Amino acid sequence: MAQERIGRKRLVVGAHYGTRDFIVQRATAVIMAVYTLVLVLYAVLVPSLDFESWRAFFAFTVGTLPVGQLLATLAFLSLAWHAWVGVRDIWMDYAHSDGLRLFLQVLTILWLVAAVVFFGQILWSL
């Protein structure tokens, strides 16, 4: 008969799997919140929000470093990673069939990769 491990001597399997996801969710949320604040401040402080003003915002450089594009890319990658962790957790909690869960996770990955590629094509073609 297998001995039950209870208390301090219990057998822990899979410990700390959620810690990394928890930290990623919080870090990406902070990045997105700060970037959203920057966007709101820009929208409030710029008198006319037309195509050229937004283009100037995203094409902002310091020396030769494309700061506007790098910050937008960081924010969008944070959004994609944040979405992946959240949607993956939804699939793991509510899709009980392994095959269905795998199918939904692959679709989610394909959708997020396509969104990142499309974003990169648009932003970096400025």
N, C-alpha and C. Protein backbone atom coordinates (compact mmCIF):
# COMPACT_ATOMS: atom_id res chain seq x y z
N MET A 1 0.83 -1.17 0.00
CA MET A 1 0.00 0.00 0.00
C MET A 1 0.88 1.24 0.00
N ALA A 2 0.57 2.18 -0.91
CA ALA A 2 1.36 3.40 -1.02
C ALA A 2 1.09 4.31 0.18
N GLN A 3 2.17 4.82 0.72
CA GLN A 3 2.04 5.69 1.88
C GLN A 3 1.67 7.10 1.42
N GLU A 4 0.67 7.69 2.06
CA GLU A 4 0.28 9.06 1.72
C GLU A 4 1.27 10.02 2.35
N ARG A 5 1.61 11.02 1.58
CA ARG A 5 2.53 12.02 2.10
C ARG A 5 1.73 13.27 2.43
N ILE A 6 1.59 13.54 3.68
CA ILE A 6 0.77 14.64 4.16
C ILE A 6 1.65 15.57 4.99
N GLY A 7 1.36 16.87 4.90
CA GLY A 7 2.11 17.84 5.69
C GLY A 7 3.41 18.20 5.03
N ARG A 8 4.45 18.41 5.84
CA ARG A 8 5.74 18.85 5.31
C ARG A 8 6.42 17.79 4.45
N LYS A 9 6.05 16.56 4.61
CA LYS A 9 6.70 15.49 3.87
C LYS A 9 5.94 15.09 2.62
N ARG A 10 4.94 15.88 2.24
CA ARG A 10 4.14 15.50 1.08
C ARG A 10 4.95 15.64 -0.21
N LEU A 11 4.57 14.88 -1.18
CA LEU A 11 5.22 14.90 -2.48
C LEU A 11 4.61 16.02 -3.31
N VAL A 12 5.43 16.97 -3.68
CA VAL A 12 4.96 18.12 -4.46
C VAL A 12 5.41 17.93 -5.90
N VAL A 13 4.44 17.88 -6.78
CA VAL A 13 4.75 17.72 -8.20
C VAL A 13 4.23 18.94 -8.94
N GLY A 14 5.06 19.54 -9.76
CA GLY A 14 4.60 20.67 -10.56
C GLY A 14 4.57 21.98 -9.79
N ALA A 15 5.33 22.07 -8.72
CA ALA A 15 5.33 23.30 -7.95
C ALA A 15 5.94 24.44 -8.75
N HIS A 16 5.40 25.60 -8.57
CA HIS A 16 5.90 26.85 -9.16
C HIS A 16 5.66 26.97 -10.66
N TYR A 17 4.81 26.14 -11.25
CA TYR A 17 4.51 26.32 -12.66
C TYR A 17 3.77 27.63 -12.90
N GLY A 18 2.95 28.05 -11.96
CA GLY A 18 2.16 29.26 -12.14
C GLY A 18 2.89 30.53 -11.77
N THR A 19 4.01 30.43 -11.08
CA THR A 19 4.73 31.62 -10.63
C THR A 19 5.23 32.44 -11.81
N ARG A 20 5.82 31.80 -12.79
CA ARG A 20 6.34 32.51 -13.96
C ARG A 20 5.20 33.19 -14.71
N ASP A 21 4.10 32.49 -14.89
CA ASP A 21 2.95 33.08 -15.59
C ASP A 21 2.38 34.26 -14.81
N PHE A 22 2.34 34.15 -13.49
CA PHE A 22 1.86 35.24 -12.65
C PHE A 22 2.74 36.47 -12.83
N ILE A 23 4.05 36.28 -12.80
CA ILE A 23 4.99 37.39 -12.96
C ILE A 23 4.89 37.99 -14.36
N VAL A 24 4.78 37.13 -15.38
CA VAL A 24 4.64 37.62 -16.76
C VAL A 24 3.38 38.45 -16.91
N GLN A 25 2.27 37.97 -16.36
CA GLN A 25 1.01 38.71 -16.46
C GLN A 25 1.14 40.09 -15.82
N ARG A 26 1.78 40.17 -14.66
CA ARG A 26 1.92 41.46 -13.97
C ARG A 26 2.90 42.37 -14.71
N ALA A 27 4.02 41.84 -15.16
CA ALA A 27 5.02 42.67 -15.85
C ALA A 27 4.47 43.21 -17.17
N THR A 28 3.81 42.36 -17.95
CA THR A 28 3.27 42.82 -19.22
C THR A 28 2.13 43.82 -18.99
N ALA A 29 1.36 43.64 -17.93
CA ALA A 29 0.29 44.59 -17.61
C ALA A 29 0.87 45.96 -17.26
N VAL A 30 1.98 45.98 -16.53
CA VAL A 30 2.63 47.25 -16.19
C VAL A 30 3.15 47.94 -17.46
N ILE A 31 3.78 47.18 -18.34
CA ILE A 31 4.29 47.76 -19.59
C ILE A 31 3.15 48.34 -20.40
N MET A 32 2.05 47.60 -20.52
CA MET A 32 0.91 48.09 -21.30
C MET A 32 0.26 49.31 -20.63
N ALA A 33 0.20 49.33 -19.32
CA ALA A 33 -0.39 50.47 -18.61
C ALA A 33 0.45 51.73 -18.81
N VAL A 34 1.77 51.60 -18.71
CA VAL A 34 2.65 52.75 -18.92
C VAL A 34 2.53 53.25 -20.36
N TYR A 35 2.53 52.34 -21.31
CA TYR A 35 2.42 52.74 -22.71
C TYR A 35 1.06 53.39 -22.99
N THR A 36 0.00 52.88 -22.38
CA THR A 36 -1.32 53.48 -22.53
C THR A 36 -1.33 54.89 -21.97
N LEU A 37 -0.68 55.10 -20.83
CA LEU A 37 -0.56 56.43 -20.27
C LEU A 37 0.16 57.38 -21.23
N VAL A 38 1.23 56.91 -21.84
CA VAL A 38 1.97 57.71 -22.82
C VAL A 38 1.06 58.06 -24.00
N LEU A 39 0.30 57.10 -24.50
CA LEU A 39 -0.62 57.37 -25.62
C LEU A 39 -1.69 58.39 -25.23
N VAL A 40 -2.24 58.26 -24.04
CA VAL A 40 -3.28 59.19 -23.59
C VAL A 40 -2.70 60.60 -23.44
N LEU A 41 -1.52 60.70 -22.82
CA LEU A 41 -0.88 62.01 -22.70
C LEU A 41 -0.61 62.63 -24.06
N TYR A 42 -0.15 61.83 -24.99
CA TYR A 42 0.10 62.33 -26.35
C TYR A 42 -1.19 62.82 -26.99
N ALA A 43 -2.25 62.06 -26.83
CA ALA A 43 -3.54 62.44 -27.42
C ALA A 43 -4.08 63.72 -26.79
N VAL A 44 -3.83 63.93 -25.50
CA VAL A 44 -4.31 65.13 -24.83
C VAL A 44 -3.47 66.35 -25.18
N LEU A 45 -2.15 66.16 -25.29
CA LEU A 45 -1.25 67.29 -25.49
C LEU A 45 -1.09 67.73 -26.94
N VAL A 46 -1.35 66.87 -27.88
CA VAL A 46 -1.19 67.23 -29.30
C VAL A 46 -2.50 67.85 -29.78
N PRO A 47 -2.42 69.04 -30.38
CA PRO A 47 -3.65 69.73 -30.76
C PRO A 47 -4.48 69.02 -31.83
N SER A 48 -3.84 68.48 -32.83
CA SER A 48 -4.61 67.79 -33.88
C SER A 48 -4.05 66.39 -34.07
N LEU A 49 -4.92 65.42 -33.95
CA LEU A 49 -4.50 64.03 -34.11
C LEU A 49 -4.83 63.57 -35.52
N ASP A 50 -3.92 63.84 -36.42
CA ASP A 50 -4.08 63.39 -37.78
C ASP A 50 -3.01 62.34 -38.09
N PHE A 51 -3.00 61.87 -39.30
CA PHE A 51 -2.07 60.82 -39.70
C PHE A 51 -0.63 61.23 -39.46
N GLU A 52 -0.29 62.45 -39.82
CA GLU A 52 1.10 62.90 -39.69
C GLU A 52 1.54 63.01 -38.24
N SER A 53 0.64 63.41 -37.35
CA SER A 53 1.03 63.50 -35.94
C SER A 53 1.26 62.11 -35.34
N TRP A 54 0.41 61.14 -35.72
CA TRP A 54 0.63 59.77 -35.23
C TRP A 54 1.88 59.17 -35.84
N ARG A 55 2.13 59.48 -37.10
CA ARG A 55 3.34 58.98 -37.74
C ARG A 55 4.58 59.53 -37.05
N ALA A 56 4.52 60.82 -36.69
CA ALA A 56 5.65 61.44 -35.98
C ALA A 56 5.83 60.80 -34.60
N PHE A 57 4.73 60.46 -33.95
CA PHE A 57 4.82 59.80 -32.64
C PHE A 57 5.53 58.46 -32.74
N PHE A 58 5.15 57.66 -33.71
CA PHE A 58 5.75 56.33 -33.85
C PHE A 58 7.14 56.38 -34.48
N ALA A 59 7.46 57.45 -35.19
CA ALA A 59 8.77 57.58 -35.84
C ALA A 59 9.74 58.40 -34.99
N PHE A 60 9.39 58.66 -33.75
CA PHE A 60 10.23 59.44 -32.84
C PHE A 60 11.57 58.75 -32.65
N THR A 61 12.66 59.50 -32.80
CA THR A 61 14.00 58.93 -32.65
C THR A 61 14.81 59.75 -31.66
N VAL A 62 15.77 59.09 -31.03
CA VAL A 62 16.78 59.75 -30.23
C VAL A 62 18.10 59.38 -30.87
N GLY A 63 18.70 60.35 -31.54
CA GLY A 63 19.89 60.05 -32.34
C GLY A 63 19.46 59.18 -33.51
N THR A 64 19.99 58.00 -33.57
CA THR A 64 19.59 57.06 -34.63
C THR A 64 18.70 55.94 -34.09
N LEU A 65 18.38 56.00 -32.80
CA LEU A 65 17.58 54.95 -32.17
C LEU A 65 16.09 55.25 -32.37
N PRO A 66 15.34 54.37 -33.02
CA PRO A 66 13.91 54.59 -33.27
C PRO A 66 13.07 54.30 -32.01
N VAL A 67 13.08 55.23 -31.07
CA VAL A 67 12.45 55.03 -29.77
C VAL A 67 10.95 54.78 -29.90
N GLY A 68 10.27 55.55 -30.74
CA GLY A 68 8.83 55.37 -30.90
C GLY A 68 8.47 53.98 -31.38
N GLN A 69 9.20 53.49 -32.35
CA GLN A 69 8.93 52.15 -32.87
C GLN A 69 9.30 51.07 -31.87
N LEU A 70 10.40 51.25 -31.15
CA LEU A 70 10.82 50.25 -30.16
C LEU A 70 9.82 50.16 -29.01
N LEU A 71 9.34 51.32 -28.53
CA LEU A 71 8.38 51.30 -27.43
C LEU A 71 7.05 50.70 -27.87
N ALA A 72 6.60 51.02 -29.08
CA ALA A 72 5.36 50.44 -29.59
C ALA A 72 5.50 48.93 -29.76
N THR A 73 6.66 48.49 -30.23
CA THR A 73 6.90 47.06 -30.40
C THR A 73 6.93 46.36 -29.05
N LEU A 74 7.59 46.95 -28.07
CA LEU A 74 7.61 46.38 -26.72
C LEU A 74 6.19 46.26 -26.17
N ALA A 75 5.39 47.30 -26.35
CA ALA A 75 4.01 47.27 -25.85
C ALA A 75 3.20 46.19 -26.56
N PHE A 76 3.36 46.06 -27.88
CA PHE A 76 2.58 45.08 -28.61
C PHE A 76 3.03 43.65 -28.29
N LEU A 77 4.33 43.44 -28.14
CA LEU A 77 4.80 42.11 -27.74
C LEU A 77 4.32 41.76 -26.34
N SER A 78 4.25 42.76 -25.46
CA SER A 78 3.69 42.54 -24.13
C SER A 78 2.23 42.15 -24.21
N LEU A 79 1.50 42.83 -25.09
CA LEU A 79 0.08 42.51 -25.29
C LEU A 79 -0.09 41.07 -25.78
N ALA A 80 0.74 40.67 -26.74
CA ALA A 80 0.64 39.32 -27.29
C ALA A 80 0.99 38.26 -26.23
N TRP A 81 2.04 38.51 -25.45
CA TRP A 81 2.43 37.54 -24.42
C TRP A 81 1.37 37.48 -23.33
N HIS A 82 0.85 38.64 -22.94
CA HIS A 82 -0.22 38.71 -21.94
C HIS A 82 -1.44 37.94 -22.42
N ALA A 83 -1.80 38.14 -23.67
CA ALA A 83 -2.95 37.43 -24.25
C ALA A 83 -2.69 35.93 -24.29
N TRP A 84 -1.49 35.52 -24.65
CA TRP A 84 -1.18 34.10 -24.72
C TRP A 84 -1.36 33.43 -23.36
N VAL A 85 -0.80 34.03 -22.31
CA VAL A 85 -0.90 33.42 -20.99
C VAL A 85 -2.37 33.34 -20.56
N GLY A 86 -3.12 34.39 -20.77
CA GLY A 86 -4.52 34.39 -20.36
C GLY A 86 -5.38 33.42 -21.14
N VAL A 87 -5.25 33.43 -22.46
CA VAL A 87 -6.08 32.55 -23.29
C VAL A 87 -5.66 31.09 -23.10
N ARG A 88 -4.37 30.84 -22.95
CA ARG A 88 -3.91 29.47 -22.70
C ARG A 88 -4.50 28.93 -21.41
N ASP A 89 -4.54 29.78 -20.38
CA ASP A 89 -5.14 29.35 -19.12
C ASP A 89 -6.62 29.06 -19.27
N ILE A 90 -7.31 29.85 -20.09
CA ILE A 90 -8.73 29.58 -20.35
C ILE A 90 -8.89 28.23 -21.03
N TRP A 91 -8.07 27.96 -22.05
CA TRP A 91 -8.16 26.66 -22.75
C TRP A 91 -7.85 25.53 -21.78
N MET A 92 -6.85 25.70 -20.91
CA MET A 92 -6.50 24.63 -19.98
C MET A 92 -7.60 24.39 -18.95
N ASP A 93 -8.32 25.45 -18.58
CA ASP A 93 -9.38 25.30 -17.58
C ASP A 93 -10.68 24.75 -18.15
N TYR A 94 -11.03 25.14 -19.38
CA TYR A 94 -12.37 24.85 -19.88
C TYR A 94 -12.42 23.89 -21.07
N ALA A 95 -11.32 23.63 -21.75
CA ALA A 95 -11.31 22.65 -22.83
C ALA A 95 -10.79 21.33 -22.23
N HIS A 96 -11.69 20.43 -21.92
CA HIS A 96 -11.30 19.22 -21.19
C HIS A 96 -10.71 18.14 -22.09
N SER A 97 -11.05 18.14 -23.35
CA SER A 97 -10.47 17.17 -24.27
C SER A 97 -9.07 17.62 -24.67
N ASP A 98 -8.11 16.71 -24.57
CA ASP A 98 -6.73 17.06 -24.90
C ASP A 98 -6.59 17.50 -26.35
N GLY A 99 -7.26 16.81 -27.24
CA GLY A 99 -7.18 17.16 -28.66
C GLY A 99 -7.76 18.54 -28.94
N LEU A 100 -8.90 18.83 -28.36
CA LEU A 100 -9.53 20.14 -28.54
C LEU A 100 -8.66 21.24 -27.95
N ARG A 101 -8.11 20.98 -26.77
CA ARG A 101 -7.24 21.97 -26.12
C ARG A 101 -6.02 22.25 -26.97
N LEU A 102 -5.39 21.23 -27.50
CA LEU A 102 -4.22 21.41 -28.36
C LEU A 102 -4.59 22.20 -29.62
N PHE A 103 -5.71 21.85 -30.22
CA PHE A 103 -6.18 22.55 -31.42
C PHE A 103 -6.40 24.04 -31.14
N LEU A 104 -7.06 24.35 -30.03
CA LEU A 104 -7.33 25.74 -29.68
C LEU A 104 -6.05 26.49 -29.34
N GLN A 105 -5.11 25.84 -28.68
CA GLN A 105 -3.84 26.49 -28.37
C GLN A 105 -3.03 26.77 -29.63
N VAL A 106 -3.03 25.83 -30.57
CA VAL A 106 -2.32 26.06 -31.84
C VAL A 106 -2.96 27.21 -32.61
N LEU A 107 -4.29 27.24 -32.65
CA LEU A 107 -4.98 28.36 -33.32
C LEU A 107 -4.64 29.69 -32.65
N THR A 108 -4.59 29.70 -31.35
CA THR A 108 -4.25 30.92 -30.62
C THR A 108 -2.83 31.37 -30.95
N ILE A 109 -1.90 30.44 -30.97
CA ILE A 109 -0.51 30.77 -31.31
C ILE A 109 -0.43 31.32 -32.72
N LEU A 110 -1.09 30.66 -33.67
CA LEU A 110 -1.06 31.14 -35.06
C LEU A 110 -1.64 32.54 -35.18
N TRP A 111 -2.75 32.78 -34.49
CA TRP A 111 -3.39 34.09 -34.52
C TRP A 111 -2.47 35.16 -33.93
N LEU A 112 -1.83 34.86 -32.78
CA LEU A 112 -0.94 35.84 -32.15
C LEU A 112 0.31 36.10 -32.99
N VAL A 113 0.88 35.06 -33.57
CA VAL A 113 2.06 35.25 -34.42
C VAL A 113 1.69 36.08 -35.65
N ALA A 114 0.53 35.80 -36.25
CA ALA A 114 0.08 36.59 -37.41
C ALA A 114 -0.13 38.05 -37.02
N ALA A 115 -0.70 38.28 -35.85
CA ALA A 115 -0.92 39.65 -35.39
C ALA A 115 0.41 40.38 -35.18
N VAL A 116 1.40 39.71 -34.59
CA VAL A 116 2.70 40.33 -34.36
C VAL A 116 3.39 40.63 -35.69
N VAL A 117 3.32 39.69 -36.63
CA VAL A 117 3.94 39.91 -37.95
C VAL A 117 3.26 41.07 -38.67
N PHE A 118 1.94 41.12 -38.64
CA PHE A 118 1.20 42.20 -39.28
C PHE A 118 1.53 43.54 -38.63
N PHE A 119 1.60 43.56 -37.31
CA PHE A 119 1.97 44.77 -36.59
C PHE A 119 3.36 45.23 -37.01
N GLY A 120 4.31 44.29 -37.04
CA GLY A 120 5.68 44.63 -37.42
C GLY A 120 5.77 45.18 -38.84
N GLN A 121 5.04 44.59 -39.76
CA GLN A 121 5.04 45.07 -41.13
C GLN A 121 4.54 46.51 -41.20
N ILE A 122 3.48 46.80 -40.48
CA ILE A 122 2.90 48.15 -40.50
C ILE A 122 3.82 49.15 -39.83
N LEU A 123 4.24 48.86 -38.60
CA LEU A 123 5.01 49.84 -37.82
C LEU A 123 6.39 50.07 -38.41
N TRP A 124 7.06 49.03 -38.81
CA TRP A 124 8.44 49.19 -39.26
C TRP A 124 8.55 49.58 -40.72
N SER A 125 7.40 49.81 -41.39
CA SER A 125 7.46 50.32 -42.76
C SER A 125 7.32 51.84 -42.80
N LEU A 126 7.26 52.48 -41.64
CA LEU A 126 7.14 53.96 -41.58
C LEU A 126 8.29 54.64 -42.25
